[in-house]
Amino acid sequence: MALATKRTTRKTEGGAGKKGVKNAAPKSESTKKAQGKKNAVKKPEADLSPIDAQVLDRLFATVESRRGTDPSLSHSARLLSRGRKKIAQKFGEEAVECLIEAVAGKPSELVSESADVLYHLIVMWVDAGVTPHDVWQELRRREAMSGVEEKASRPVEPGV
């Protein structure tokens, strides 16, 4: 995914950044809070069905169903047909874009790039024969212990 750039108008000291507005009064704390909420990532509406790990299970099933299908008709089929190295490269690119948006403090872009990372991770799982169930099982195992304890339980790799 290409990085999108936004054009913004910067506010200068003592004035507003928009044409035609002069000597804008300083914003009150309540106005700043309201604007912060306006810029925050919107939460799903109450009438939407809950989104949880099942959405990833459904996405996995969809990607898996594309394996071996016509690459000209499906992005997933095209990625799978190009092999593991290309899938890993694409996953890495999306992960870097996700990190860039996180560091830049852009929550809505971070959400979008996170969805891309999850999609490409699932394509990698399909290619490698890993199922969401395998990953959920490992997460459940880790949930039962502290992070420090879990990390210490991993086998030590030579040279690391």
N, C-alpha and C. Protein backbone atom coordinates (compact mmCIF):
# COMPACT_ATOMS: atom_id res chain seq x y z
N MET A 1 0.83 -1.18 0.00
CA MET A 1 0.00 0.00 0.00
C MET A 1 0.88 1.24 0.00
N ALA A 2 0.53 2.18 -0.77
CA ALA A 2 1.30 3.42 -0.83
C ALA A 2 0.94 4.29 0.35
N LEU A 3 1.90 5.01 0.83
CA LEU A 3 1.64 5.91 1.93
C LEU A 3 0.89 7.12 1.41
N ALA A 4 -0.18 7.45 2.08
CA ALA A 4 -0.96 8.62 1.70
C ALA A 4 -0.44 9.83 2.46
N THR A 5 -0.45 10.95 1.83
CA THR A 5 -0.05 12.16 2.52
C THR A 5 -1.24 13.10 2.57
N LYS A 6 -1.30 13.84 3.66
CA LYS A 6 -2.39 14.79 3.84
C LYS A 6 -1.83 16.19 3.79
N ARG A 7 -2.58 17.07 3.20
CA ARG A 7 -2.21 18.48 3.22
C ARG A 7 -2.90 19.11 4.41
N THR A 8 -2.13 19.78 5.23
CA THR A 8 -2.72 20.44 6.38
C THR A 8 -2.29 21.90 6.39
N THR A 9 -3.06 22.71 7.07
CA THR A 9 -2.72 24.11 7.23
C THR A 9 -2.20 24.27 8.65
N ARG A 10 -1.00 24.78 8.76
CA ARG A 10 -0.41 24.96 10.09
C ARG A 10 -0.87 26.28 10.69
N LYS A 11 -1.11 26.25 11.97
CA LYS A 11 -1.49 27.45 12.69
C LYS A 11 -0.21 28.16 13.10
N THR A 12 -0.14 29.42 12.86
CA THR A 12 1.05 30.19 13.20
C THR A 12 0.85 30.88 14.54
N GLU A 13 1.97 31.28 15.15
CA GLU A 13 1.89 32.00 16.41
C GLU A 13 1.03 33.24 16.26
N GLY A 14 0.07 33.43 17.11
CA GLY A 14 -0.72 34.65 17.14
C GLY A 14 -1.79 34.77 16.08
N GLY A 15 -1.97 33.76 15.25
CA GLY A 15 -2.99 33.86 14.21
C GLY A 15 -3.46 32.49 13.78
N ALA A 16 -4.45 32.48 12.92
CA ALA A 16 -4.98 31.22 12.43
C ALA A 16 -4.32 30.90 11.10
N GLY A 17 -4.32 29.64 10.74
CA GLY A 17 -3.69 29.21 9.51
C GLY A 17 -4.59 29.33 8.30
N LYS A 18 -5.85 29.63 8.46
CA LYS A 18 -6.78 29.71 7.33
C LYS A 18 -6.93 31.15 6.89
N LYS A 19 -7.09 31.33 5.58
CA LYS A 19 -7.27 32.68 5.04
C LYS A 19 -8.58 33.27 5.54
N GLY A 20 -8.57 34.56 5.74
CA GLY A 20 -9.79 35.26 6.11
C GLY A 20 -10.08 35.25 7.59
N VAL A 21 -9.30 34.55 8.37
CA VAL A 21 -9.52 34.52 9.82
C VAL A 21 -8.31 35.19 10.45
N LYS A 22 -8.56 36.27 11.19
CA LYS A 22 -7.46 37.00 11.81
C LYS A 22 -7.65 37.02 13.31
N ASN A 23 -6.51 36.98 13.99
CA ASN A 23 -6.50 37.10 15.45
C ASN A 23 -7.49 36.17 16.12
N ALA A 24 -7.41 34.92 15.81
CA ALA A 24 -8.30 33.94 16.44
C ALA A 24 -7.99 33.87 17.92
N ALA A 25 -9.03 33.77 18.72
CA ALA A 25 -8.86 33.68 20.16
C ALA A 25 -8.29 32.32 20.53
N PRO A 26 -7.51 32.25 21.61
CA PRO A 26 -6.98 30.95 22.03
C PRO A 26 -8.13 30.00 22.35
N LYS A 27 -7.90 28.74 22.08
CA LYS A 27 -8.95 27.75 22.31
C LYS A 27 -9.01 27.38 23.78
N SER A 28 -10.23 27.19 24.27
CA SER A 28 -10.40 26.77 25.65
C SER A 28 -10.05 25.30 25.77
N GLU A 29 -9.86 24.84 27.01
CA GLU A 29 -9.54 23.43 27.24
C GLU A 29 -10.66 22.52 26.73
N SER A 30 -11.93 22.93 26.90
CA SER A 30 -13.03 22.09 26.44
C SER A 30 -13.05 22.01 24.92
N THR A 31 -12.68 23.11 24.24
CA THR A 31 -12.62 23.09 22.78
C THR A 31 -11.51 22.16 22.33
N LYS A 32 -10.34 22.23 23.00
CA LYS A 32 -9.22 21.35 22.65
C LYS A 32 -9.60 19.88 22.84
N LYS A 33 -10.30 19.58 23.96
CA LYS A 33 -10.72 18.20 24.21
C LYS A 33 -11.70 17.73 23.14
N ALA A 34 -12.63 18.61 22.76
CA ALA A 34 -13.61 18.25 21.74
C ALA A 34 -12.92 17.97 20.41
N GLN A 35 -11.92 18.80 20.07
CA GLN A 35 -11.19 18.58 18.82
C GLN A 35 -10.38 17.30 18.89
N GLY A 36 -9.81 17.00 20.06
CA GLY A 36 -9.07 15.75 20.23
C GLY A 36 -9.97 14.55 19.99
N LYS A 37 -11.20 14.63 20.49
CA LYS A 37 -12.16 13.55 20.27
C LYS A 37 -12.53 13.46 18.79
N LYS A 38 -12.63 14.61 18.12
CA LYS A 38 -12.99 14.63 16.71
C LYS A 38 -11.91 13.93 15.88
N ASN A 39 -10.64 14.09 16.26
CA ASN A 39 -9.53 13.51 15.54
C ASN A 39 -9.24 12.07 15.94
N ALA A 40 -9.86 11.60 17.01
CA ALA A 40 -9.61 10.24 17.47
C ALA A 40 -10.26 9.23 16.54
N VAL A 41 -9.78 8.00 16.58
CA VAL A 41 -10.35 6.93 15.77
C VAL A 41 -11.75 6.65 16.29
N LYS A 42 -12.70 6.62 15.39
CA LYS A 42 -14.08 6.40 15.79
C LYS A 42 -14.29 4.93 16.13
N LYS A 43 -15.04 4.69 17.20
CA LYS A 43 -15.36 3.33 17.61
C LYS A 43 -16.59 2.86 16.83
N PRO A 44 -16.72 1.54 16.66
CA PRO A 44 -17.89 1.04 15.92
C PRO A 44 -19.18 1.46 16.60
N GLU A 45 -20.18 1.69 15.79
CA GLU A 45 -21.50 2.05 16.31
C GLU A 45 -22.09 0.87 17.08
N ALA A 46 -22.97 1.17 18.04
CA ALA A 46 -23.55 0.14 18.88
C ALA A 46 -24.37 -0.88 18.09
N ASP A 47 -24.95 -0.47 16.95
CA ASP A 47 -25.80 -1.39 16.21
C ASP A 47 -25.00 -2.35 15.32
N LEU A 48 -23.67 -2.19 15.23
CA LEU A 48 -22.85 -3.11 14.45
C LEU A 48 -22.61 -4.37 15.27
N SER A 49 -22.50 -5.50 14.56
CA SER A 49 -22.20 -6.74 15.28
C SER A 49 -20.77 -6.66 15.80
N PRO A 50 -20.51 -7.33 16.91
CA PRO A 50 -19.17 -7.22 17.49
C PRO A 50 -18.12 -7.82 16.55
N ILE A 51 -16.98 -7.16 16.49
CA ILE A 51 -15.85 -7.62 15.69
C ILE A 51 -14.86 -8.26 16.66
N ASP A 52 -14.46 -9.46 16.35
CA ASP A 52 -13.52 -10.14 17.22
C ASP A 52 -12.65 -11.07 16.38
N ALA A 53 -12.01 -12.02 17.01
CA ALA A 53 -11.12 -12.93 16.29
C ALA A 53 -11.85 -13.69 15.19
N GLN A 54 -13.15 -13.80 15.29
CA GLN A 54 -13.90 -14.51 14.25
C GLN A 54 -13.76 -13.83 12.89
N VAL A 55 -13.57 -12.52 12.87
CA VAL A 55 -13.39 -11.84 11.59
C VAL A 55 -12.08 -12.31 10.95
N LEU A 56 -11.08 -12.58 11.76
CA LEU A 56 -9.82 -13.10 11.24
C LEU A 56 -9.98 -14.54 10.75
N ASP A 57 -10.80 -15.32 11.46
CA ASP A 57 -11.08 -16.68 11.02
C ASP A 57 -11.79 -16.67 9.66
N ARG A 58 -12.74 -15.74 9.48
CA ARG A 58 -13.46 -15.65 8.21
C ARG A 58 -12.52 -15.18 7.09
N LEU A 59 -11.65 -14.22 7.40
CA LEU A 59 -10.69 -13.75 6.41
C LEU A 59 -9.75 -14.90 6.02
N PHE A 60 -9.32 -15.69 7.00
CA PHE A 60 -8.47 -16.84 6.71
C PHE A 60 -9.18 -17.80 5.75
N ALA A 61 -10.44 -18.10 6.04
CA ALA A 61 -11.20 -19.01 5.17
C ALA A 61 -11.31 -18.45 3.75
N THR A 62 -11.51 -17.14 3.64
CA THR A 62 -11.60 -16.52 2.32
C THR A 62 -10.28 -16.63 1.57
N VAL A 63 -9.17 -16.29 2.24
CA VAL A 63 -7.86 -16.36 1.60
C VAL A 63 -7.55 -17.81 1.22
N GLU A 64 -7.84 -18.73 2.12
CA GLU A 64 -7.59 -20.15 1.84
C GLU A 64 -8.39 -20.62 0.63
N SER A 65 -9.61 -20.13 0.49
CA SER A 65 -10.44 -20.52 -0.65
C SER A 65 -9.90 -19.97 -1.98
N ARG A 66 -9.04 -18.96 -1.92
CA ARG A 66 -8.47 -18.36 -3.14
C ARG A 66 -7.23 -19.11 -3.63
N ARG A 67 -6.67 -19.97 -2.76
CA ARG A 67 -5.48 -20.72 -3.16
C ARG A 67 -5.78 -21.53 -4.41
N GLY A 68 -4.94 -21.40 -5.42
CA GLY A 68 -5.11 -22.16 -6.65
C GLY A 68 -6.13 -21.60 -7.62
N THR A 69 -6.75 -20.48 -7.27
CA THR A 69 -7.72 -19.87 -8.20
C THR A 69 -6.99 -18.91 -9.14
N ASP A 70 -7.70 -18.35 -10.05
CA ASP A 70 -7.13 -17.49 -11.08
C ASP A 70 -6.53 -16.22 -10.46
N PRO A 71 -5.20 -16.04 -10.57
CA PRO A 71 -4.55 -14.85 -10.00
C PRO A 71 -5.03 -13.53 -10.60
N SER A 72 -5.62 -13.58 -11.79
CA SER A 72 -6.10 -12.33 -12.38
C SER A 72 -7.42 -11.89 -11.77
N LEU A 73 -8.06 -12.78 -11.00
CA LEU A 73 -9.36 -12.46 -10.40
C LEU A 73 -9.30 -12.18 -8.90
N SER A 74 -8.17 -12.50 -8.27
CA SER A 74 -8.09 -12.39 -6.82
C SER A 74 -6.70 -11.93 -6.39
N HIS A 75 -6.67 -10.90 -5.57
CA HIS A 75 -5.39 -10.41 -5.03
C HIS A 75 -4.74 -11.50 -4.18
N SER A 76 -5.53 -12.21 -3.38
CA SER A 76 -5.00 -13.29 -2.54
C SER A 76 -4.39 -14.38 -3.41
N ALA A 77 -5.09 -14.78 -4.47
CA ALA A 77 -4.58 -15.81 -5.38
C ALA A 77 -3.28 -15.35 -6.03
N ARG A 78 -3.21 -14.07 -6.39
CA ARG A 78 -2.00 -13.53 -7.02
C ARG A 78 -0.83 -13.59 -6.05
N LEU A 79 -1.05 -13.17 -4.80
CA LEU A 79 0.02 -13.22 -3.81
C LEU A 79 0.47 -14.66 -3.57
N LEU A 80 -0.49 -15.56 -3.39
CA LEU A 80 -0.16 -16.97 -3.13
C LEU A 80 0.60 -17.58 -4.30
N SER A 81 0.26 -17.20 -5.52
CA SER A 81 0.93 -17.76 -6.70
C SER A 81 2.36 -17.25 -6.85
N ARG A 82 2.68 -16.14 -6.22
CA ARG A 82 4.02 -15.55 -6.35
C ARG A 82 5.02 -16.14 -5.37
N GLY A 83 4.53 -16.91 -4.40
CA GLY A 83 5.43 -17.62 -3.50
C GLY A 83 5.69 -16.93 -2.18
N ARG A 84 6.30 -17.72 -1.29
CA ARG A 84 6.52 -17.28 0.08
C ARG A 84 7.42 -16.06 0.20
N LYS A 85 8.47 -15.97 -0.62
CA LYS A 85 9.36 -14.80 -0.53
C LYS A 85 8.60 -13.51 -0.83
N LYS A 86 7.75 -13.52 -1.84
CA LYS A 86 6.99 -12.32 -2.20
C LYS A 86 5.96 -12.01 -1.11
N ILE A 87 5.34 -13.05 -0.56
CA ILE A 87 4.36 -12.85 0.52
C ILE A 87 5.06 -12.22 1.73
N ALA A 88 6.23 -12.76 2.08
CA ALA A 88 6.98 -12.22 3.22
C ALA A 88 7.42 -10.78 2.96
N GLN A 89 7.85 -10.50 1.73
CA GLN A 89 8.25 -9.14 1.38
C GLN A 89 7.07 -8.18 1.55
N LYS A 90 5.91 -8.58 1.06
CA LYS A 90 4.71 -7.73 1.14
C LYS A 90 4.31 -7.51 2.60
N PHE A 91 4.38 -8.59 3.40
CA PHE A 91 4.07 -8.47 4.82
C PHE A 91 5.02 -7.47 5.48
N GLY A 92 6.31 -7.58 5.17
CA GLY A 92 7.30 -6.67 5.74
C GLY A 92 7.03 -5.22 5.36
N GLU A 93 6.69 -4.99 4.10
CA GLU A 93 6.38 -3.63 3.65
C GLU A 93 5.20 -3.06 4.43
N GLU A 94 4.18 -3.87 4.60
CA GLU A 94 2.99 -3.40 5.32
C GLU A 94 3.31 -3.16 6.80
N ALA A 95 4.16 -4.01 7.38
CA ALA A 95 4.54 -3.83 8.79
C ALA A 95 5.29 -2.51 8.97
N VAL A 96 6.19 -2.21 8.05
CA VAL A 96 6.94 -0.95 8.12
C VAL A 96 5.99 0.25 8.00
N GLU A 97 5.04 0.17 7.07
CA GLU A 97 4.08 1.27 6.92
C GLU A 97 3.26 1.44 8.21
N CYS A 98 2.92 0.34 8.84
CA CYS A 98 2.18 0.39 10.10
C CYS A 98 3.02 1.10 11.17
N LEU A 99 4.28 0.76 11.25
CA LEU A 99 5.17 1.39 12.23
C LEU A 99 5.33 2.88 11.96
N ILE A 100 5.45 3.24 10.69
CA ILE A 100 5.59 4.66 10.33
C ILE A 100 4.38 5.45 10.82
N GLU A 101 3.19 4.92 10.61
CA GLU A 101 1.97 5.63 11.05
C GLU A 101 1.89 5.69 12.58
N ALA A 102 2.35 4.64 13.25
CA ALA A 102 2.34 4.64 14.72
C ALA A 102 3.27 5.73 15.25
N VAL A 103 4.48 5.78 14.72
CA VAL A 103 5.46 6.77 15.16
C VAL A 103 4.99 8.18 14.82
N ALA A 104 4.32 8.33 13.67
CA ALA A 104 3.84 9.65 13.25
C ALA A 104 2.61 10.09 14.06
N GLY A 105 2.07 9.19 14.87
CA GLY A 105 0.91 9.55 15.69
C GLY A 105 -0.36 9.75 14.89
N LYS A 106 -0.55 8.92 13.87
CA LYS A 106 -1.73 9.02 13.02
C LYS A 106 -2.63 7.81 13.25
N PRO A 107 -3.54 7.89 14.21
CA PRO A 107 -4.35 6.73 14.58
C PRO A 107 -5.19 6.14 13.45
N SER A 108 -5.82 6.98 12.62
CA SER A 108 -6.68 6.40 11.58
C SER A 108 -5.84 5.68 10.52
N GLU A 109 -4.67 6.24 10.20
CA GLU A 109 -3.79 5.57 9.24
C GLU A 109 -3.21 4.29 9.85
N LEU A 110 -2.93 4.33 11.17
CA LEU A 110 -2.44 3.14 11.87
C LEU A 110 -3.46 2.02 11.82
N VAL A 111 -4.73 2.36 11.99
CA VAL A 111 -5.80 1.37 11.91
C VAL A 111 -5.82 0.74 10.52
N SER A 112 -5.75 1.56 9.48
CA SER A 112 -5.78 1.07 8.11
C SER A 112 -4.58 0.18 7.81
N GLU A 113 -3.40 0.62 8.19
CA GLU A 113 -2.19 -0.18 7.95
C GLU A 113 -2.19 -1.46 8.78
N SER A 114 -2.77 -1.41 9.98
CA SER A 114 -2.87 -2.61 10.81
C SER A 114 -3.73 -3.67 10.13
N ALA A 115 -4.82 -3.22 9.51
CA ALA A 115 -5.67 -4.16 8.76
C ALA A 115 -4.88 -4.78 7.61
N ASP A 116 -4.05 -3.98 6.94
CA ASP A 116 -3.21 -4.51 5.86
C ASP A 116 -2.23 -5.54 6.39
N VAL A 117 -1.61 -5.25 7.54
CA VAL A 117 -0.66 -6.18 8.15
C VAL A 117 -1.36 -7.50 8.49
N LEU A 118 -2.53 -7.43 9.09
CA LEU A 118 -3.26 -8.65 9.44
C LEU A 118 -3.61 -9.46 8.20
N TYR A 119 -4.06 -8.79 7.16
CA TYR A 119 -4.39 -9.49 5.91
C TYR A 119 -3.16 -10.22 5.37
N HIS A 120 -2.03 -9.53 5.28
CA HIS A 120 -0.84 -10.14 4.71
C HIS A 120 -0.27 -11.23 5.63
N LEU A 121 -0.45 -11.08 6.93
CA LEU A 121 -0.06 -12.14 7.86
C LEU A 121 -0.90 -13.40 7.60
N ILE A 122 -2.18 -13.21 7.38
CA ILE A 122 -3.07 -14.34 7.09
C ILE A 122 -2.69 -15.01 5.77
N VAL A 123 -2.33 -14.23 4.76
CA VAL A 123 -1.87 -14.82 3.50
C VAL A 123 -0.63 -15.68 3.77
N MET A 124 0.27 -15.19 4.64
CA MET A 124 1.47 -15.95 4.98
C MET A 124 1.10 -17.24 5.72
N TRP A 125 0.12 -17.15 6.63
CA TRP A 125 -0.33 -18.36 7.34
C TRP A 125 -0.84 -19.39 6.35
N VAL A 126 -1.68 -18.95 5.42
CA VAL A 126 -2.25 -19.88 4.42
C VAL A 126 -1.12 -20.54 3.65
N ASP A 127 -0.16 -19.77 3.20
CA ASP A 127 0.94 -20.32 2.43
C ASP A 127 1.76 -21.31 3.24
N ALA A 128 1.95 -21.03 4.53
CA ALA A 128 2.79 -21.86 5.39
C ALA A 128 2.03 -23.03 6.03
N GLY A 129 0.71 -23.09 5.84
CA GLY A 129 -0.07 -24.17 6.45
C GLY A 129 -0.35 -23.97 7.92
N VAL A 130 -0.28 -22.74 8.38
CA VAL A 130 -0.60 -22.40 9.77
C VAL A 130 -2.05 -21.93 9.81
N THR A 131 -2.80 -22.36 10.82
CA THR A 131 -4.20 -21.95 10.93
C THR A 131 -4.37 -20.94 12.07
N PRO A 132 -5.43 -20.16 12.02
CA PRO A 132 -5.70 -19.27 13.14
C PRO A 132 -5.80 -20.05 14.46
N HIS A 133 -6.38 -21.24 14.40
CA HIS A 133 -6.50 -22.07 15.61
C HIS A 133 -5.12 -22.31 16.23
N ASP A 134 -4.11 -22.58 15.40
CA ASP A 134 -2.75 -22.79 15.91
C ASP A 134 -2.26 -21.55 16.66
N VAL A 135 -2.51 -20.38 16.10
CA VAL A 135 -2.05 -19.14 16.72
C VAL A 135 -2.85 -18.84 17.98
N TRP A 136 -4.18 -19.04 17.94
CA TRP A 136 -5.02 -18.79 19.12
C TRP A 136 -4.58 -19.72 20.26
N GLN A 137 -4.25 -20.96 19.93
CA GLN A 137 -3.81 -21.92 20.94
C GLN A 137 -2.52 -21.43 21.61
N GLU A 138 -1.58 -20.95 20.81
CA GLU A 138 -0.32 -20.44 21.36
C GLU A 138 -0.57 -19.20 22.22
N LEU A 139 -1.47 -18.34 21.80
CA LEU A 139 -1.80 -17.16 22.60
C LEU A 139 -2.44 -17.56 23.93
N ARG A 140 -3.32 -18.57 23.90
CA ARG A 140 -3.93 -19.05 25.15
C ARG A 140 -2.87 -19.60 26.09
N ARG A 141 -1.89 -20.34 25.54
CA ARG A 141 -0.81 -20.90 26.36
C ARG A 141 -0.04 -19.75 27.02
N ARG A 142 0.27 -18.73 26.25
CA ARG A 142 1.03 -17.60 26.79
C ARG A 142 0.23 -16.78 27.78
N GLU A 143 -1.07 -16.74 27.60
CA GLU A 143 -1.95 -15.96 28.48
C GLU A 143 -1.89 -16.49 29.92
N ALA A 144 -1.57 -17.76 30.04
CA ALA A 144 -1.56 -18.40 31.36
C ALA A 144 -0.33 -18.05 32.19
N MET A 145 0.64 -17.31 31.61
CA MET A 145 1.85 -16.96 32.35
C MET A 145 2.23 -15.51 32.08
N SER A 146 3.14 -15.00 32.89
CA SER A 146 3.59 -13.62 32.69
C SER A 146 4.47 -13.55 31.45
N GLY A 147 4.61 -12.36 30.92
CA GLY A 147 5.46 -12.16 29.74
C GLY A 147 6.90 -12.55 29.99
N VAL A 148 7.44 -12.20 31.16
CA VAL A 148 8.82 -12.54 31.49
C VAL A 148 8.97 -14.05 31.58
N GLU A 149 8.01 -14.70 32.25
CA GLU A 149 8.03 -16.15 32.39
C GLU A 149 7.92 -16.84 31.02
N GLU A 150 7.03 -16.32 30.16
CA GLU A 150 6.84 -16.92 28.84
C GLU A 150 8.11 -16.80 28.01
N LYS A 151 8.74 -15.63 28.03
CA LYS A 151 9.95 -15.42 27.25
C LYS A 151 11.07 -16.33 27.74
N ALA A 152 11.18 -16.51 29.04
CA ALA A 152 12.21 -17.38 29.61
C ALA A 152 11.98 -18.84 29.25
N SER A 153 10.73 -19.22 28.97
CA SER A 153 10.42 -20.62 28.65
C SER A 153 10.77 -21.00 27.23
N ARG A 154 11.07 -20.01 26.38
CA ARG A 154 11.40 -20.30 24.98
C ARG A 154 12.78 -20.93 24.90
N PRO A 155 12.96 -21.84 23.94
CA PRO A 155 14.29 -22.43 23.76
C PRO A 155 15.30 -21.36 23.34
N VAL A 156 16.51 -21.48 23.85
CA VAL A 156 17.56 -20.53 23.52
C VAL A 156 18.16 -20.94 22.18
N GLU A 157 18.21 -19.97 21.25
CA GLU A 157 18.79 -20.23 19.94
C GLU A 157 20.28 -19.94 19.98
N PRO A 158 21.09 -20.83 19.42
CA PRO A 158 22.54 -20.58 19.42
C PRO A 158 22.88 -19.30 18.64
N GLY A 159 23.82 -18.53 19.19
CA GLY A 159 24.27 -17.31 18.51
C GLY A 159 23.39 -16.12 18.72
N VAL A 160 22.36 -16.23 19.57
CA VAL A 160 21.46 -15.09 19.79
C VAL A 160 21.73 -14.48 21.13
